[in-house]
Amino acid sequence: MSASMVSRVQIDIINKLQMRKEYIMINVGNDRPIVSLVVRAMQHPMNSYTDLDFLIPSEVATPTDIKKSFVYADNINWGREIIDHLLDLLPKGIRQAGLIRTYNTAYSQAYRTRVMEEFQTGAVHILVCTDAAGMGCNIRDIEHIVQWRLPVLVSSFEQCSGRAARDLKLIGLAIPLVEPSAYKWDHQKGPKQSWVLKSIPAARKKSAKARHDYAIERGSRHGFSGPLAS
C-alpha cells in the first residue's frame, strides 16, 4: 500500500517483483477533505522569510498558542535561517524553550529520535525539516504542513501534506510557499520555471543581479494574498 505511488514507481515495482501482466491495482485516491491545499506566492524577499510569520501568532503568550507544524526546506541552510527567523518572533520568555527545532540527516540518529519524540509529546511545536521527517510515523495533531519554495518533486509534497490532521477532529493546511516567478509564464510557450527543480545545487546558483531583481519585483502580488489562518 502507498499513499503516493506515481506511475513510474508503480512500473518499477512491477518490474522488480517480476509480476505478470495479470494483476489488480486498486487506486482509491489520496484526497483528504479535512486537509486544505493553499498554494501561496511569496509576498516578501525570500531571504527575509517573512512569509512564514503566520506560524507564530502575533500575540503568542504560551507554547500552546503555536500550532504544531512541519516546515519542509529542501536546503539545509534555508532550514537554519528559517529557525533563526522564527525564534526572533518568539517572546524572550519562551525563546529558549526549544519549541522550534531542526530535523535532517545531517544530525545523528539519536538526536533525530529524541527531537521527533519531543514533537510528538508537544515539547516541540515547529519542526523545520527535510522530507526525512515524518516517514513511517503517525503524528495525529499536526495542523500545518509548509513547503518552503518549489519542491523537488510534486509527489514528495503530496506525501508530506498527508501528514497533516491525522486526527479527524482537526482541520489541516498544506501550504506550498512558492517563488512569484512560478506564476509568470506564457500560456502558449509554457511556464518559464518548471514545478520540478532539476537539482538543489542548481536552485542555489542565483547571481547577485538576479537576487536584486527579485527584491525590486517583490511588491507584485501574485496568487492568494489574504491572511492565513493562525
C-alpha atoms as a PDB file:
ATOM      1  CA  MET A   1       0.000   0.000   0.000  1.00  0.00           C
ATOM      2  CA  SER A   2       1.160   3.523  -0.777  1.00  0.00           C
ATOM      3  CA  ALA A   3      -0.339   6.994  -0.462  1.00  0.00           C
ATOM      4  CA  SER A   4       1.711   8.468  -3.304  1.00  0.00           C
ATOM      5  CA  MET A   5       2.720   5.789  -5.797  1.00  0.00           C
ATOM      6  CA  VAL A   6       3.243   7.621  -9.067  1.00  0.00           C
ATOM      7  CA  SER A   7       3.198   5.740 -12.384  1.00  0.00           C
ATOM      8  CA  ARG A   8       6.972   5.465 -12.741  1.00  0.00           C
ATOM      9  CA  VAL A   9       7.260   3.957  -9.258  1.00  0.00           C
ATOM     10  CA  GLN A  10       4.423   1.557  -9.974  1.00  0.00           C
ATOM     11  CA  ILE A  11       6.150   0.361 -13.159  1.00  0.00           C
ATOM     12  CA  ASP A  12       9.454  -0.045 -11.315  1.00  0.00           C
ATOM     13  CA  ILE A  13       7.819  -2.129  -8.573  1.00  0.00           C
ATOM     14  CA  ILE A  14       6.115  -4.370 -11.118  1.00  0.00           C
ATOM     15  CA  ASN A  15       9.428  -4.940 -12.900  1.00  0.00           C
ATOM     16  CA  LYS A  16      11.400  -5.525  -9.704  1.00  0.00           C
ATOM     17  CA  LEU A  17       8.869  -8.063  -8.418  1.00  0.00           C
ATOM     18  CA  GLN A  18       8.641  -9.673 -11.874  1.00  0.00           C
ATOM     19  CA  MET A  19       4.882  -9.547 -11.709  1.00  0.00           C
ATOM     20  CA  ARG A  20       2.870 -10.921 -14.562  1.00  0.00           C
ATOM     21  CA  LYS A  21       0.571  -8.777 -16.637  1.00  0.00           C
ATOM     22  CA  GLU A  22      -2.432 -10.254 -14.864  1.00  0.00           C
ATOM     23  CA  TYR A  23      -2.542  -8.207 -11.676  1.00  0.00           C
ATOM     24  CA  ILE A  24      -5.074  -5.964  -9.996  1.00  0.00           C
ATOM     25  CA  MET A  25      -4.285  -2.443  -8.859  1.00  0.00           C
ATOM     26  CA  ILE A  26      -6.830  -0.647  -6.702  1.00  0.00           C
ATOM     27  CA  ASN A  27      -6.490   3.139  -6.685  1.00  0.00           C
ATOM     28  CA  VAL A  28      -8.776   4.757  -4.131  1.00  0.00           C
ATOM     29  CA  GLY A  29      -7.054   8.141  -4.393  1.00  0.00           C
ATOM     30  CA  ASN A  30      -5.493  10.131  -1.585  1.00  0.00           C
ATOM     31  CA  ASP A  31      -7.864  13.075  -1.294  1.00  0.00           C
ATOM     32  CA  ARG A  32      -8.442  14.131   2.308  1.00  0.00           C
ATOM     33  CA  PRO A  33     -11.266  16.680   2.694  1.00  0.00           C
ATOM     34  CA  ILE A  34     -10.015  17.779   6.128  1.00  0.00           C
ATOM     35  CA  VAL A  35      -6.687  18.963   4.652  1.00  0.00           C
ATOM     36  CA  SER A  36      -6.918  22.167   2.606  1.00  0.00           C
ATOM     37  CA  LEU A  37      -4.270  22.932  -0.009  1.00  0.00           C
ATOM     38  CA  VAL A  38      -3.307  26.624  -0.199  1.00  0.00           C
ATOM     39  CA  VAL A  39      -0.680  27.474  -2.824  1.00  0.00           C
ATOM     40  CA  ARG A  40       0.676  30.898  -1.977  1.00  0.00           C
ATOM     41  CA  ALA A  41       3.162  33.110  -3.796  1.00  0.00           C
ATOM     42  CA  MET A  42       5.727  34.736  -1.536  1.00  0.00           C
ATOM     43  CA  GLN A  43       4.992  38.400  -0.883  1.00  0.00           C
ATOM     44  CA  HIS A  44       8.360  39.310   0.638  1.00  0.00           C
ATOM     45  CA  PRO A  45      12.048  38.808  -0.253  1.00  0.00           C
ATOM     46  CA  MET A  46      12.852  35.121   0.117  1.00  0.00           C
ATOM     47  CA  ASN A  47      15.879  35.754   2.325  1.00  0.00           C
ATOM     48  CA  SER A  48      13.697  37.601   4.845  1.00  0.00           C
ATOM     49  CA  TYR A  49      11.497  34.524   5.491  1.00  0.00           C
ATOM     50  CA  THR A  50       8.712  36.938   6.442  1.00  0.00           C
ATOM     51  CA  ASP A  51       6.141  34.829   4.587  1.00  0.00           C
ATOM     52  CA  LEU A  52       6.457  32.283   7.400  1.00  0.00           C
ATOM     53  CA  ASP A  53       5.413  34.744  10.107  1.00  0.00           C
ATOM     54  CA  PHE A  54       1.879  33.317  10.224  1.00  0.00           C
ATOM     55  CA  LEU A  55       3.306  30.282  12.054  1.00  0.00           C
ATOM     56  CA  ILE A  56       3.937  32.438  15.134  1.00  0.00           C
ATOM     57  CA  PRO A  57       0.782  34.277  16.302  1.00  0.00           C
ATOM     58  CA  SER A  58       1.369  37.988  16.849  1.00  0.00           C
ATOM     59  CA  GLU A  59       0.115  37.773  20.429  1.00  0.00           C
ATOM     60  CA  VAL A  60       1.703  34.456  21.384  1.00  0.00           C
ATOM     61  CA  ALA A  61       1.991  34.141  25.154  1.00  0.00           C
ATOM     62  CA  THR A  62       2.408  30.425  25.797  1.00  0.00           C
ATOM     63  CA  PRO A  63       3.712  27.484  23.728  1.00  0.00           C
ATOM     64  CA  THR A  64       0.171  26.183  23.265  1.00  0.00           C
ATOM     65  CA  ASP A  65      -0.617  29.268  21.162  1.00  0.00           C
ATOM     66  CA  ILE A  66       1.659  27.870  18.430  1.00  0.00           C
ATOM     67  CA  LYS A  67       0.080  25.214  16.226  1.00  0.00           C
ATOM     68  CA  LYS A  68       2.142  22.121  15.528  1.00  0.00           C
ATOM     69  CA  SER A  69       3.751  22.407  12.112  1.00  0.00           C
ATOM     70  CA  PHE A  70       6.212  20.768   9.760  1.00  0.00           C
ATOM     71  CA  VAL A  71       8.162  23.278   7.646  1.00  0.00           C
ATOM     72  CA  TYR A  72       9.902  21.492   4.777  1.00  0.00           C
ATOM     73  CA  ALA A  73      13.011  23.148   3.348  1.00  0.00           C
ATOM     74  CA  ASP A  74      14.924  21.179   0.717  1.00  0.00           C
ATOM     75  CA  ASN A  75      18.131  23.062   1.513  1.00  0.00           C
ATOM     76  CA  ILE A  76      19.620  22.592   4.998  1.00  0.00           C
ATOM     77  CA  ASN A  77      20.977  26.151   5.026  1.00  0.00           C
ATOM     78  CA  TRP A  78      17.486  27.524   4.366  1.00  0.00           C
ATOM     79  CA  GLY A  79      16.309  25.499   7.341  1.00  0.00           C
ATOM     80  CA  ARG A  80      18.852  27.090   9.673  1.00  0.00           C
ATOM     81  CA  GLU A  81      17.879  30.570   8.528  1.00  0.00           C
ATOM     82  CA  ILE A  82      14.179  29.778   8.933  1.00  0.00           C
ATOM     83  CA  ILE A  83      14.749  28.695  12.525  1.00  0.00           C
ATOM     84  CA  ASP A  84      16.691  31.875  13.305  1.00  0.00           C
ATOM     85  CA  HIS A  85      13.862  33.972  11.870  1.00  0.00           C
ATOM     86  CA  LEU A  86      11.066  32.158  13.703  1.00  0.00           C
ATOM     87  CA  LEU A  87      12.959  32.271  17.003  1.00  0.00           C
ATOM     88  CA  ASP A  88      13.234  36.043  16.655  1.00  0.00           C
ATOM     89  CA  LEU A  89       9.423  36.203  16.535  1.00  0.00           C
ATOM     90  CA  LEU A  90       9.005  34.426  19.867  1.00  0.00           C
ATOM     91  CA  PRO A  91       8.733  36.347  23.143  1.00  0.00           C
ATOM     92  CA  LYS A  92      12.032  36.306  25.025  1.00  0.00           C
ATOM     93  CA  GLY A  93      10.452  34.322  27.828  1.00  0.00           C
ATOM     94  CA  ILE A  94       9.929  31.224  25.646  1.00  0.00           C
ATOM     95  CA  ARG A  95      12.638  31.756  23.029  1.00  0.00           C
ATOM     96  CA  GLN A  96      14.966  29.258  24.704  1.00  0.00           C
ATOM     97  CA  ALA A  97      12.276  26.652  25.389  1.00  0.00           C
ATOM     98  CA  GLY A  98      13.168  24.502  22.371  1.00  0.00           C
ATOM     99  CA  LEU A  99       9.787  24.979  20.699  1.00  0.00           C
ATOM    100  CA  ILE A 100      11.347  25.196  17.222  1.00  0.00           C
ATOM    101  CA  ARG A 101      13.846  22.548  16.197  1.00  0.00           C
ATOM    102  CA  THR A 102      15.570  21.293  13.076  1.00  0.00           C
ATOM    103  CA  TYR A 103      15.467  17.757  11.694  1.00  0.00           C
ATOM    104  CA  ASN A 104      17.545  16.377   8.826  1.00  0.00           C
ATOM    105  CA  THR A 105      20.027  13.614   8.050  1.00  0.00           C
ATOM    106  CA  ALA A 106      22.998  15.810   8.981  1.00  0.00           C
ATOM    107  CA  TYR A 107      22.162  15.076  12.623  1.00  0.00           C
ATOM    108  CA  SER A 108      22.724  11.827  14.492  1.00  0.00           C
ATOM    109  CA  GLN A 109      20.045   9.177  14.729  1.00  0.00           C
ATOM    110  CA  ALA A 110      19.917   9.701  18.491  1.00  0.00           C
ATOM    111  CA  TYR A 111      19.212  13.413  18.035  1.00  0.00           C
ATOM    112  CA  ARG A 112      16.537  12.811  15.417  1.00  0.00           C
ATOM    113  CA  THR A 113      14.802  10.188  17.551  1.00  0.00           C
ATOM    114  CA  ARG A 114      14.774  12.494  20.573  1.00  0.00           C
ATOM    115  CA  VAL A 115      13.503  15.518  18.622  1.00  0.00           C
ATOM    116  CA  MET A 116      10.720  13.502  16.987  1.00  0.00           C
ATOM    117  CA  GLU A 117       9.647  12.191  20.390  1.00  0.00           C
ATOM    118  CA  GLU A 118       9.591  15.758  21.733  1.00  0.00           C
ATOM    119  CA  PHE A 119       7.497  16.832  18.755  1.00  0.00           C
ATOM    120  CA  GLN A 120       5.035  14.019  19.366  1.00  0.00           C
ATOM    121  CA  THR A 121       4.673  14.886  23.054  1.00  0.00           C
ATOM    122  CA  GLY A 122       4.267  18.611  22.359  1.00  0.00           C
ATOM    123  CA  ALA A 123       7.578  19.861  23.748  1.00  0.00           C
ATOM    124  CA  VAL A 124       8.459  20.922  20.179  1.00  0.00           C
ATOM    125  CA  HIS A 125       5.797  22.763  18.174  1.00  0.00           C
ATOM    126  CA  ILE A 126       7.535  23.567  14.873  1.00  0.00           C
ATOM    127  CA  LEU A 127       9.881  21.167  13.120  1.00  0.00           C
ATOM    128  CA  VAL A 128      11.956  22.657  10.296  1.00  0.00           C
ATOM    129  CA  CYS A 129      12.980  19.642   8.295  1.00  0.00           C
ATOM    130  CA  THR A 130      13.736  17.844   5.072  1.00  0.00           C
ATOM    131  CA  ASP A 131      11.398  15.152   3.763  1.00  0.00           C
ATOM    132  CA  ALA A 132      13.207  12.667   6.030  1.00  0.00           C
ATOM    133  CA  ALA A 133      10.902  13.864   8.817  1.00  0.00           C
ATOM    134  CA  GLY A 134       7.662  12.026   9.304  1.00  0.00           C
ATOM    135  CA  MET A 135       8.449   8.931   7.251  1.00  0.00           C
ATOM    136  CA  GLY A 136       6.697   5.980   8.806  1.00  0.00           C
ATOM    137  CA  CYS A 137       5.311   7.944  11.757  1.00  0.00           C
ATOM    138  CA  ASN A 138       1.733   8.753  12.632  1.00  0.00           C
ATOM    139  CA  ILE A 139       1.631  12.087  14.468  1.00  0.00           C
ATOM    140  CA  ARG A 140      -2.021  12.928  14.807  1.00  0.00           C
ATOM    141  CA  ASP A 141      -2.053  16.598  15.784  1.00  0.00           C
ATOM    142  CA  ILE A 142      -0.033  18.340  13.042  1.00  0.00           C
ATOM    143  CA  GLU A 143      -2.108  21.246  11.712  1.00  0.00           C
ATOM    144  CA  HIS A 144       0.244  22.958   9.229  1.00  0.00           C
ATOM    145  CA  ILE A 145       2.453  21.410   6.561  1.00  0.00           C
ATOM    146  CA  VAL A 146       4.520  24.125   4.868  1.00  0.00           C
ATOM    147  CA  GLN A 147       6.798  23.661   1.857  1.00  0.00           C
ATOM    148  CA  TRP A 148       9.354  26.454   1.555  1.00  0.00           C
ATOM    149  CA  ARG A 149       9.887  27.149  -2.158  1.00  0.00           C
ATOM    150  CA  LEU A 150       9.071  24.812  -5.021  1.00  0.00           C
ATOM    151  CA  PRO A 151       9.555  21.164  -4.053  1.00  0.00           C
ATOM    152  CA  VAL A 152      11.945  18.939  -5.951  1.00  0.00           C
ATOM    153  CA  LEU A 153       9.052  16.589  -6.774  1.00  0.00           C
ATOM    154  CA  VAL A 154       5.314  17.158  -6.590  1.00  0.00           C
ATOM    155  CA  SER A 155       4.826  13.595  -5.330  1.00  0.00           C
ATOM    156  CA  SER A 156       7.114  14.335  -2.372  1.00  0.00           C
ATOM    157  CA  PHE A 157       4.955  17.257  -1.317  1.00  0.00           C
ATOM    158  CA  GLU A 158       1.793  15.190  -1.735  1.00  0.00           C
ATOM    159  CA  GLN A 159       3.236  12.630   0.639  1.00  0.00           C
ATOM    160  CA  CYS A 160       4.328  15.303   3.111  1.00  0.00           C
ATOM    161  CA  SER A 161       0.930  17.017   3.068  1.00  0.00           C
ATOM    162  CA  GLY A 162      -0.692  13.732   4.050  1.00  0.00           C
ATOM    163  CA  ARG A 163       0.885  14.091   7.487  1.00  0.00           C
ATOM    164  CA  ALA A 164      -1.483  16.914   8.413  1.00  0.00           C
ATOM    165  CA  ALA A 165      -4.581  16.340  10.541  1.00  0.00           C
ATOM    166  CA  ARG A 166      -4.298  12.612  11.136  1.00  0.00           C
ATOM    167  CA  ASP A 167      -6.708  13.329  13.968  1.00  0.00           C
ATOM    168  CA  LEU A 168     -10.037  13.580  12.158  1.00  0.00           C
ATOM    169  CA  LYS A 169     -11.197  16.253  14.605  1.00  0.00           C
ATOM    170  CA  LEU A 170      -8.647  18.701  13.193  1.00  0.00           C
ATOM    171  CA  ILE A 171      -8.566  20.760  10.004  1.00  0.00           C
ATOM    172  CA  GLY A 172      -5.134  20.746   8.374  1.00  0.00           C
ATOM    173  CA  LEU A 173      -3.455  23.173   5.992  1.00  0.00           C
ATOM    174  CA  ALA A 174      -0.911  22.146   3.363  1.00  0.00           C
ATOM    175  CA  ILE A 175       0.847  25.301   2.180  1.00  0.00           C
ATOM    176  CA  PRO A 176       3.449  25.452  -0.597  1.00  0.00           C
ATOM    177  CA  LEU A 177       5.081  28.899  -0.383  1.00  0.00           C
ATOM    178  CA  VAL A 178       6.421  29.336  -3.897  1.00  0.00           C
ATOM    179  CA  GLU A 179       8.542  31.900  -5.694  1.00  0.00           C
ATOM    180  CA  PRO A 180       6.483  34.566  -7.515  1.00  0.00           C
ATOM    181  CA  SER A 181       8.331  33.615 -10.705  1.00  0.00           C
ATOM    182  CA  ALA A 182       6.346  30.366 -10.723  1.00  0.00           C
ATOM    183  CA  TYR A 183       3.280  32.452 -11.630  1.00  0.00           C
ATOM    184  CA  LYS A 184       4.969  34.191 -14.561  1.00  0.00           C
ATOM    185  CA  TRP A 185       4.520  32.142 -17.691  1.00  0.00           C
ATOM    186  CA  ASP A 186       3.353  32.408 -21.254  1.00  0.00           C
ATOM    187  CA  HIS A 187       0.224  30.301 -21.821  1.00  0.00           C
ATOM    188  CA  GLN A 188       1.448  29.378 -25.299  1.00  0.00           C
ATOM    189  CA  LYS A 189       5.120  28.771 -24.532  1.00  0.00           C
ATOM    190  CA  GLY A 190       4.573  27.217 -21.115  1.00  0.00           C
ATOM    191  CA  PRO A 191       5.988  28.170 -17.718  1.00  0.00           C
ATOM    192  CA  LYS A 192       9.386  29.832 -17.509  1.00  0.00           C
ATOM    193  CA  GLN A 193      10.235  27.723 -14.497  1.00  0.00           C
ATOM    194  CA  SER A 194       9.184  24.123 -14.071  1.00  0.00           C
ATOM    195  CA  TRP A 195       7.430  22.989 -10.913  1.00  0.00           C
ATOM    196  CA  VAL A 196      10.172  20.360 -10.658  1.00  0.00           C
ATOM    197  CA  LEU A 197      13.636  21.719  -9.938  1.00  0.00           C
ATOM    198  CA  LYS A 198      16.452  19.902 -11.712  1.00  0.00           C
ATOM    199  CA  SER A 199      18.613  19.856  -8.611  1.00  0.00           C
ATOM    200  CA  ILE A 200      19.077  21.642  -5.338  1.00  0.00           C
ATOM    201  CA  PRO A 201      22.573  22.950  -6.246  1.00  0.00           C
ATOM    202  CA  ALA A 202      21.183  24.419  -9.450  1.00  0.00           C
ATOM    203  CA  ALA A 203      18.487  26.191  -7.457  1.00  0.00           C
ATOM    204  CA  ARG A 204      21.172  27.925  -5.371  1.00  0.00           C
ATOM    205  CA  LYS A 205      23.056  29.348  -8.331  1.00  0.00           C
ATOM    206  CA  LYS A 206      21.493  32.792  -8.475  1.00  0.00           C
ATOM    207  CA  SER A 207      23.580  35.792  -9.315  1.00  0.00           C
ATOM    208  CA  ALA A 208      23.614  38.945  -7.216  1.00  0.00           C
ATOM    209  CA  LYS A 209      21.770  40.705 -10.047  1.00  0.00           C
ATOM    210  CA  ALA A 210      19.033  38.051 -10.025  1.00  0.00           C
ATOM    211  CA  ARG A 211      18.556  38.466  -6.286  1.00  0.00           C
ATOM    212  CA  HIS A 212      18.492  42.249  -6.713  1.00  0.00           C
ATOM    213  CA  ASP A 213      15.906  41.995  -9.491  1.00  0.00           C
ATOM    214  CA  TYR A 214      13.756  39.770  -7.301  1.00  0.00           C
ATOM    215  CA  ALA A 215      13.905  42.294  -4.467  1.00  0.00           C
ATOM    216  CA  ILE A 216      12.690  45.023  -6.819  1.00  0.00           C
ATOM    217  CA  GLU A 217       9.814  42.887  -8.060  1.00  0.00           C
ATOM    218  CA  ARG A 218       8.671  41.653  -4.663  1.00  0.00           C
ATOM    219  CA  GLY A 219       5.918  44.262  -4.488  1.00  0.00           C
ATOM    220  CA  SER A 220       3.999  42.392  -7.206  1.00  0.00           C
ATOM    221  CA  ARG A 221       1.133  40.492  -5.644  1.00  0.00           C
ATOM    222  CA  HIS A 222       0.512  37.165  -7.298  1.00  0.00           C
ATOM    223  CA  GLY A 223      -1.967  34.490  -6.306  1.00  0.00           C
ATOM    224  CA  PHE A 224      -3.657  34.342  -2.933  1.00  0.00           C
ATOM    225  CA  SER A 225      -2.697  37.326  -0.795  1.00  0.00           C
ATOM    226  CA  GLY A 226      -5.139  37.160   2.096  1.00  0.00           C
ATOM    227  CA  PRO A 227      -4.115  36.274   5.645  1.00  0.00           C
ATOM    228  CA  LEU A 228      -3.568  32.624   6.500  1.00  0.00           C
ATOM    229  CA  ALA A 229      -5.270  31.086   9.483  1.00  0.00           C
ATOM    230  CA  SER A 230      -3.192  31.198  12.650  1.00  0.00           C
END
